[in-house]
PDB file of all heavy atoms in Angstrom:
ATOM      1  N   VAL A   1      12.316  -8.466   3.959  1.00  0.00           N
ATOM      2  CA  VAL A   1      12.302  -7.234   3.174  1.00  0.00           C
ATOM      3  C   VAL A   1      11.166  -6.373   3.709  1.00  0.00           C
ATOM      4  O   VAL A   1      10.045  -6.838   3.906  1.00  0.00           O
ATOM      5  CB  VAL A   1      12.129  -7.522   1.661  1.00  0.00           C
ATOM      6  CG1 VAL A   1      10.863  -8.308   1.373  1.00  0.00           C
ATOM      7  CG2 VAL A   1      12.119  -6.211   0.874  1.00  0.00           C
ATOM      8  N   THR A   2      11.483  -5.114   3.968  1.00  0.00           N
ATOM      9  CA  THR A   2      10.492  -4.160   4.479  1.00  0.00           C
ATOM     10  C   THR A   2      10.393  -2.991   3.506  1.00  0.00           C
ATOM     11  O   THR A   2      11.410  -2.477   3.028  1.00  0.00           O
ATOM     12  CB  THR A   2      10.892  -3.640   5.871  1.00  0.00           C
ATOM     13  OG1 THR A   2      10.960  -4.742   6.779  1.00  0.00           O
ATOM     14  CG2 THR A   2       9.864  -2.636   6.385  1.00  0.00           C
ATOM     15  N   GLY A   3       9.187  -2.597   3.202  1.00  0.00           N
ATOM     16  CA  GLY A   3       8.976  -1.468   2.312  1.00  0.00           C
ATOM     17  C   GLY A   3       7.562  -0.945   2.447  1.00  0.00           C
ATOM     18  O   GLY A   3       6.793  -1.399   3.297  1.00  0.00           O
ATOM     19  N   THR A   4       7.211   0.006   1.591  1.00  0.00           N
ATOM     20  CA  THR A   4       5.881   0.614   1.624  1.00  0.00           C
ATOM     21  C   THR A   4       5.069   0.140   0.432  1.00  0.00           C
ATOM     22  O   THR A   4       5.430   0.390  -0.718  1.00  0.00           O
ATOM     23  CB  THR A   4       5.977   2.147   1.596  1.00  0.00           C
ATOM     24  OG1 THR A   4       6.765   2.591   2.693  1.00  0.00           O
ATOM     25  CG2 THR A   4       4.595   2.771   1.676  1.00  0.00           C
ATOM     26  N   LEU A   5       3.990  -0.564   0.717  1.00  0.00           N
ATOM     27  CA  LEU A   5       3.059  -0.994  -0.325  1.00  0.00           C
ATOM     28  C   LEU A   5       2.093   0.158  -0.574  1.00  0.00           C
ATOM     29  O   LEU A   5       1.354   0.570   0.337  1.00  0.00           O
ATOM     30  CB  LEU A   5       2.313  -2.244   0.133  1.00  0.00           C
ATOM     31  CG  LEU A   5       1.605  -3.074  -0.932  1.00  0.00           C
ATOM     32  CD1 LEU A   5       2.604  -3.620  -1.954  1.00  0.00           C
ATOM     33  CD2 LEU A   5       0.835  -4.214  -0.296  1.00  0.00           C
ATOM     34  N   GLN A   6       2.146   0.710  -1.762  1.00  0.00           N
ATOM     35  CA  GLN A   6       1.328   1.880  -2.113  1.00  0.00           C
ATOM     36  C   GLN A   6       0.247   1.455  -3.093  1.00  0.00           C
ATOM     37  O   GLN A   6       0.515   0.796  -4.082  1.00  0.00           O
ATOM     38  CB  GLN A   6       2.189   2.978  -2.737  1.00  0.00           C
ATOM     39  CG  GLN A   6       1.384   4.167  -3.244  1.00  0.00           C
ATOM     40  CD  GLN A   6       2.249   5.203  -3.936  1.00  0.00           C
ATOM     41  OE1 GLN A   6       3.412   5.368  -3.599  1.00  0.00           O
ATOM     42  NE2 GLN A   6       1.681   5.898  -4.907  1.00  0.00           N
ATOM     43  N   THR A   7      -0.971   1.870  -2.806  1.00  0.00           N
ATOM     44  CA  THR A   7      -2.099   1.573  -3.678  1.00  0.00           C
ATOM     45  C   THR A   7      -2.685   2.872  -4.220  1.00  0.00           C
ATOM     46  O   THR A   7      -2.966   3.802  -3.457  1.00  0.00           O
ATOM     47  CB  THR A   7      -3.195   0.796  -2.917  1.00  0.00           C
ATOM     48  OG1 THR A   7      -2.628  -0.374  -2.345  1.00  0.00           O
ATOM     49  CG2 THR A   7      -4.302   0.379  -3.851  1.00  0.00           C
ATOM     50  N   HIS A   8      -2.856   2.921  -5.539  1.00  0.00           N
ATOM     51  CA  HIS A   8      -3.482   4.077  -6.187  1.00  0.00           C
ATOM     52  C   HIS A   8      -4.797   3.628  -6.806  1.00  0.00           C
ATOM     53  O   HIS A   8      -4.877   2.579  -7.453  1.00  0.00           O
ATOM     54  CB  HIS A   8      -2.564   4.659  -7.269  1.00  0.00           C
ATOM     55  CG  HIS A   8      -3.244   5.683  -8.120  1.00  0.00           C
ATOM     56  ND1 HIS A   8      -3.617   5.445  -9.420  1.00  0.00           N
ATOM     57  CD2 HIS A   8      -3.646   6.948  -7.843  1.00  0.00           C
ATOM     58  CE1 HIS A   8      -4.207   6.503  -9.917  1.00  0.00           C
ATOM     59  NE2 HIS A   8      -4.230   7.435  -8.991  1.00  0.00           N
ATOM     60  N   TYR A   9      -5.815   4.431  -6.598  1.00  0.00           N
ATOM     61  CA  TYR A   9      -7.146   4.125  -7.135  1.00  0.00           C
ATOM     62  C   TYR A   9      -7.566   5.178  -8.152  1.00  0.00           C
ATOM     63  O   TYR A   9      -7.252   6.371  -7.990  1.00  0.00           O
ATOM     64  CB  TYR A   9      -8.183   4.074  -6.005  1.00  0.00           C
ATOM     65  CG  TYR A   9      -7.898   3.012  -4.985  1.00  0.00           C
ATOM     66  CD1 TYR A   9      -7.227   3.315  -3.798  1.00  0.00           C
ATOM     67  CD2 TYR A   9      -8.289   1.689  -5.198  1.00  0.00           C
ATOM     68  CE1 TYR A   9      -6.958   2.335  -2.857  1.00  0.00           C
ATOM     69  CE2 TYR A   9      -8.018   0.706  -4.265  1.00  0.00           C
ATOM     70  CZ  TYR A   9      -7.356   1.033  -3.097  1.00  0.00           C
ATOM     71  OH  TYR A   9      -7.082   0.056  -2.171  1.00  0.00           O
ATOM     72  N   ASP A  10      -8.281   4.755  -9.186  1.00  0.00           N
ATOM     73  CA  ASP A  10      -8.805   5.703 -10.173  1.00  0.00           C
ATOM     74  C   ASP A  10      -9.869   6.599  -9.560  1.00  0.00           C
ATOM     75  O   ASP A  10     -10.015   7.763  -9.941  1.00  0.00           O
ATOM     76  CB  ASP A  10      -9.377   4.945 -11.374  1.00  0.00           C
ATOM     77  CG  ASP A  10      -8.298   4.214 -12.156  1.00  0.00           C
ATOM     78  OD1 ASP A  10      -7.146   4.688 -12.151  1.00  0.00           O
ATOM     79  OD2 ASP A  10      -8.604   3.168 -12.764  1.00  0.00           O
ATOM     80  N   GLU A  11     -10.630   6.066  -8.629  1.00  0.00           N
ATOM     81  CA  GLU A  11     -11.619   6.824  -7.880  1.00  0.00           C
ATOM     82  C   GLU A  11     -11.299   6.679  -6.390  1.00  0.00           C
ATOM     83  O   GLU A  11     -10.750   5.662  -5.974  1.00  0.00           O
ATOM     84  CB  GLU A  11     -13.033   6.301  -8.161  1.00  0.00           C
ATOM     85  CG  GLU A  11     -13.459   6.396  -9.616  1.00  0.00           C
ATOM     86  CD  GLU A  11     -13.607   7.844 -10.077  1.00  0.00           C
ATOM     87  OE1 GLU A  11     -13.846   8.718  -9.208  1.00  0.00           O
ATOM     88  OE2 GLU A  11     -13.470   8.098 -11.288  1.00  0.00           O
ATOM     89  N   PRO A  12     -11.631   7.663  -5.580  1.00  0.00           N
ATOM     90  CA  PRO A  12     -11.304   7.575  -4.154  1.00  0.00           C
ATOM     91  C   PRO A  12     -11.847   6.300  -3.518  1.00  0.00           C
ATOM     92  O   PRO A  12     -12.971   5.884  -3.791  1.00  0.00           O
ATOM     93  CB  PRO A  12     -11.967   8.819  -3.562  1.00  0.00           C
ATOM     94  CG  PRO A  12     -12.038   9.785  -4.694  1.00  0.00           C
ATOM     95  CD  PRO A  12     -12.303   8.942  -5.918  1.00  0.00           C
ATOM     96  N   ARG A  13     -11.037   5.696  -2.705  1.00  0.00           N
ATOM     97  CA  ARG A  13     -11.402   4.475  -1.971  1.00  0.00           C
ATOM     98  C   ARG A  13     -11.482   4.859  -0.497  1.00  0.00           C
ATOM     99  O   ARG A  13     -10.459   5.194   0.114  1.00  0.00           O
ATOM    100  CB  ARG A  13     -10.334   3.414  -2.210  1.00  0.00           C
ATOM    101  CG  ARG A  13     -10.532   2.098  -1.483  1.00  0.00           C
ATOM    102  CD  ARG A  13     -11.524   1.229  -2.192  1.00  0.00           C
ATOM    103  NE  ARG A  13     -11.286  -0.186  -1.882  1.00  0.00           N
ATOM    104  CZ  ARG A  13     -12.258  -1.088  -1.825  1.00  0.00           C
ATOM    105  NH1 ARG A  13     -13.524  -0.722  -2.036  1.00  0.00           N
ATOM    106  NH2 ARG A  13     -11.966  -2.344  -1.575  1.00  0.00           N
ATOM    107  N   TYR A  14     -12.684   4.849   0.033  1.00  0.00           N
ATOM    108  CA  TYR A  14     -12.904   5.304   1.410  1.00  0.00           C
ATOM    109  C   TYR A  14     -12.287   6.679   1.643  1.00  0.00           C
ATOM    110  O   TYR A  14     -11.632   6.944   2.642  1.00  0.00           O
ATOM    111  CB  TYR A  14     -12.359   4.287   2.413  1.00  0.00           C
ATOM    112  CG  TYR A  14     -12.974   2.922   2.257  1.00  0.00           C
ATOM    113  CD1 TYR A  14     -12.179   1.821   1.976  1.00  0.00           C
ATOM    114  CD2 TYR A  14     -14.347   2.746   2.386  1.00  0.00           C
ATOM    115  CE1 TYR A  14     -12.749   0.561   1.812  1.00  0.00           C
ATOM    116  CE2 TYR A  14     -14.919   1.492   2.226  1.00  0.00           C
ATOM    117  CZ  TYR A  14     -14.131   0.407   1.932  1.00  0.00           C
ATOM    118  OH  TYR A  14     -14.689  -0.825   1.770  1.00  0.00           O
ATOM    119  N   GLY A  15     -12.474   7.552   0.635  1.00  0.00           N
ATOM    120  CA  GLY A  15     -12.094   8.949   0.804  1.00  0.00           C
ATOM    121  C   GLY A  15     -10.717   9.327   0.318  1.00  0.00           C
ATOM    122  O   GLY A  15     -10.342  10.506   0.388  1.00  0.00           O
ATOM    123  N   HIS A  16      -9.940   8.383  -0.200  1.00  0.00           N
ATOM    124  CA  HIS A  16      -8.567   8.714  -0.609  1.00  0.00           C
ATOM    125  C   HIS A  16      -8.194   7.979  -1.896  1.00  0.00           C
ATOM    126  O   HIS A  16      -8.608   6.841  -2.136  1.00  0.00           O
ATOM    127  CB  HIS A  16      -7.569   8.337   0.493  1.00  0.00           C
ATOM    128  CG  HIS A  16      -7.765   9.111   1.759  1.00  0.00           C
ATOM    129  ND1 HIS A  16      -7.174  10.330   1.986  1.00  0.00           N
ATOM    130  CD2 HIS A  16      -8.511   8.836   2.866  1.00  0.00           C
ATOM    131  CE1 HIS A  16      -7.539  10.786   3.178  1.00  0.00           C
ATOM    132  NE2 HIS A  16      -8.348   9.894   3.738  1.00  0.00           N
ATOM    133  N   TYR A  17      -7.367   8.653  -2.713  1.00  0.00           N
ATOM    134  CA  TYR A  17      -6.842   8.030  -3.920  1.00  0.00           C
ATOM    135  C   TYR A  17      -5.675   7.099  -3.616  1.00  0.00           C
ATOM    136  O   TYR A  17      -5.391   6.183  -4.377  1.00  0.00           O
ATOM    137  CB  TYR A  17      -6.363   9.102  -4.912  1.00  0.00           C
ATOM    138  CG  TYR A  17      -7.471   9.799  -5.649  1.00  0.00           C
ATOM    139  CD1 TYR A  17      -7.947  11.035  -5.214  1.00  0.00           C
ATOM    140  CD2 TYR A  17      -8.033   9.236  -6.794  1.00  0.00           C
ATOM    141  CE1 TYR A  17      -8.962  11.695  -5.897  1.00  0.00           C
ATOM    142  CE2 TYR A  17      -9.054   9.890  -7.488  1.00  0.00           C
ATOM    143  CZ  TYR A  17      -9.506  11.111  -7.031  1.00  0.00           C
ATOM    144  OH  TYR A  17     -10.517  11.743  -7.711  1.00  0.00           O
ATOM    145  N   TYR A  18      -4.956   7.387  -2.536  1.00  0.00           N
ATOM    146  CA  TYR A  18      -3.756   6.613  -2.195  1.00  0.00           C
ATOM    147  C   TYR A  18      -3.887   6.068  -0.774  1.00  0.00           C
ATOM    148  O   TYR A  18      -4.375   6.766   0.132  1.00  0.00           O
ATOM    149  CB  TYR A  18      -2.493   7.486  -2.261  1.00  0.00           C
ATOM    150  CG  TYR A  18      -2.170   8.007  -3.633  1.00  0.00           C
ATOM    151  CD1 TYR A  18      -2.655   9.244  -4.054  1.00  0.00           C
ATOM    152  CD2 TYR A  18      -1.371   7.273  -4.509  1.00  0.00           C
ATOM    153  CE1 TYR A  18      -2.367   9.733  -5.317  1.00  0.00           C
ATOM    154  CE2 TYR A  18      -1.069   7.760  -5.775  1.00  0.00           C
ATOM    155  CZ  TYR A  18      -1.570   8.992  -6.168  1.00  0.00           C
ATOM    156  OH  TYR A  18      -1.275   9.470  -7.409  1.00  0.00           O
ATOM    157  N   TRP A  19      -3.422   4.843  -0.613  1.00  0.00           N
ATOM    158  CA  TRP A  19      -3.252   4.269   0.729  1.00  0.00           C
ATOM    159  C   TRP A  19      -1.858   3.664   0.792  1.00  0.00           C
ATOM    160  O   TRP A  19      -1.334   3.143  -0.209  1.00  0.00           O
ATOM    161  CB  TRP A  19      -4.299   3.197   1.020  1.00  0.00           C
ATOM    162  CG  TRP A  19      -5.671   3.752   1.282  1.00  0.00           C
ATOM    163  CD1 TRP A  19      -6.611   4.093   0.347  1.00  0.00           C
ATOM    164  CD2 TRP A  19      -6.244   4.054   2.556  1.00  0.00           C
ATOM    165  NE1 TRP A  19      -7.737   4.577   0.961  1.00  0.00           N
ATOM    166  CE2 TRP A  19      -7.547   4.569   2.312  1.00  0.00           C
ATOM    167  CE3 TRP A  19      -5.798   3.943   3.870  1.00  0.00           C
ATOM    168  CZ2 TRP A  19      -8.403   4.959   3.332  1.00  0.00           C
ATOM    169  CZ3 TRP A  19      -6.649   4.324   4.903  1.00  0.00           C
ATOM    170  CH2 TRP A  19      -7.935   4.838   4.630  1.00  0.00           C
ATOM    171  N   PHE A  20      -1.239   3.724   1.980  1.00  0.00           N
ATOM    172  CA  PHE A  20       0.134   3.268   2.155  1.00  0.00           C
ATOM    173  C   PHE A  20       0.197   2.283   3.324  1.00  0.00           C
ATOM    174  O   PHE A  20      -0.385   2.536   4.384  1.00  0.00           O
ATOM    175  CB  PHE A  20       1.061   4.451   2.442  1.00  0.00           C
ATOM    176  CG  PHE A  20       1.083   5.480   1.344  1.00  0.00           C
ATOM    177  CD1 PHE A  20       0.101   6.459   1.275  1.00  0.00           C
ATOM    178  CD2 PHE A  20       2.080   5.468   0.384  1.00  0.00           C
ATOM    179  CE1 PHE A  20       0.119   7.415   0.274  1.00  0.00           C
ATOM    180  CE2 PHE A  20       2.100   6.425  -0.622  1.00  0.00           C
ATOM    181  CZ  PHE A  20       1.123   7.400  -0.683  1.00  0.00           C
ATOM    182  N   LEU A  21       0.915   1.208   3.127  1.00  0.00           N
ATOM    183  CA  LEU A  21       1.026   0.183   4.159  1.00  0.00           C
ATOM    184  C   LEU A  21       2.486  -0.258   4.281  1.00  0.00           C
ATOM    185  O   LEU A  21       3.098  -0.676   3.296  1.00  0.00           O
ATOM    186  CB  LEU A  21       0.165  -1.030   3.795  1.00  0.00           C
ATOM    187  CG  LEU A  21       0.242  -2.250   4.722  1.00  0.00           C
ATOM    188  CD1 LEU A  21      -0.356  -1.935   6.085  1.00  0.00           C
ATOM    189  CD2 LEU A  21      -0.476  -3.441   4.085  1.00  0.00           C
ATOM    190  N   THR A  22       3.046  -0.145   5.477  1.00  0.00           N
ATOM    191  CA  THR A  22       4.386  -0.677   5.709  1.00  0.00           C
ATOM    192  C   THR A  22       4.277  -2.200   5.845  1.00  0.00           C
ATOM    193  O   THR A  22       3.568  -2.690   6.719  1.00  0.00           O
ATOM    194  CB  THR A  22       5.004  -0.085   6.989  1.00  0.00           C
ATOM    195  OG1 THR A  22       5.135   1.328   6.825  1.00  0.00           O
ATOM    196  CG2 THR A  22       6.389  -0.678   7.236  1.00  0.00           C
ATOM    197  N   GLU A  23       4.943  -2.908   4.945  1.00  0.00           N
ATOM    198  CA  GLU A  23       4.829  -4.367   4.891  1.00  0.00           C
ATOM    199  C   GLU A  23       6.210  -5.002   5.039  1.00  0.00           C
ATOM    200  O   GLU A  23       7.177  -4.560   4.410  1.00  0.00           O
ATOM    201  CB  GLU A  23       4.198  -4.797   3.567  1.00  0.00           C
ATOM    202  CG  GLU A  23       4.088  -6.289   3.354  1.00  0.00           C
ATOM    203  CD  GLU A  23       3.040  -6.953   4.234  1.00  0.00           C
ATOM    204  OE1 GLU A  23       2.213  -6.232   4.835  1.00  0.00           O
ATOM    205  OE2 GLU A  23       3.048  -8.193   4.316  1.00  0.00           O
ATOM    206  N   THR A  24       6.294  -6.026   5.864  1.00  0.00           N
ATOM    207  CA  THR A  24       7.518  -6.810   5.999  1.00  0.00           C
ATOM    208  C   THR A  24       7.219  -8.247   5.605  1.00  0.00           C
ATOM    209  O   THR A  24       6.262  -8.850   6.116  1.00  0.00           O
ATOM    210  CB  THR A  24       8.058  -6.773   7.435  1.00  0.00           C
ATOM    211  OG1 THR A  24       8.417  -5.427   7.775  1.00  0.00           O
ATOM    212  CG2 THR A  24       9.304  -7.656   7.569  1.00  0.00           C
ATOM    213  N   ALA A  25       8.008  -8.768   4.702  1.00  0.00           N
ATOM    214  CA  ALA A  25       7.843 -10.152   4.252  1.00  0.00           C
ATOM    215  C   ALA A  25       9.145 -10.909   4.468  1.00  0.00           C
ATOM    216  O   ALA A  25      10.235 -10.344   4.341  1.00  0.00           O
ATOM    217  CB  ALA A  25       7.460 -10.189   2.769  1.00  0.00           C
ATOM    218  N   SER A  26       9.013 -12.173   4.812  1.00  0.00           N
ATOM    219  CA  SER A  26      10.171 -13.062   4.966  1.00  0.00           C
ATOM    220  C   SER A  26      10.168 -14.047   3.810  1.00  0.00           C
ATOM    221  O   SER A  26       9.108 -14.588   3.452  1.00  0.00           O
ATOM    222  CB  SER A  26      10.098 -13.823   6.297  1.00  0.00           C
ATOM    223  OG  SER A  26      10.057 -12.925   7.381  1.00  0.00           O
ATOM    224  N   ALA A  27      11.341 -14.310   3.246  1.00  0.00           N
ATOM    225  CA  ALA A  27      11.424 -15.201   2.100  1.00  0.00           C
ATOM    226  C   ALA A  27      12.697 -16.029   2.172  1.00  0.00           C
ATOM    227  O   ALA A  27      13.697 -15.598   2.760  1.00  0.00           O
ATOM    228  CB  ALA A  27      11.393 -14.404   0.792  1.00  0.00           C
ATOM    229  N   PRO A  28      12.685 -17.226   1.583  1.00  0.00           N
ATOM    230  CA  PRO A  28      13.903 -18.047   1.575  1.00  0.00           C
ATOM    231  C   PRO A  28      15.000 -17.379   0.763  1.00  0.00           C
ATOM    232  O   PRO A  28      14.736 -16.723  -0.247  1.00  0.00           O
ATOM    233  CB  PRO A  28      13.440 -19.360   0.935  1.00  0.00           C
ATOM    234  CG  PRO A  28      12.220 -19.009   0.160  1.00  0.00           C
ATOM    235  CD  PRO A  28      11.560 -17.895   0.901  1.00  0.00           C
TER     236      PRO A  28
END
């Protein structure tokens, strides 16, 4: 499964409220 892991912060984290990571996971 491939998708976008999105993180939202209440306060900026290293300059940004949002960070996005394309993540692929394999599962049985």
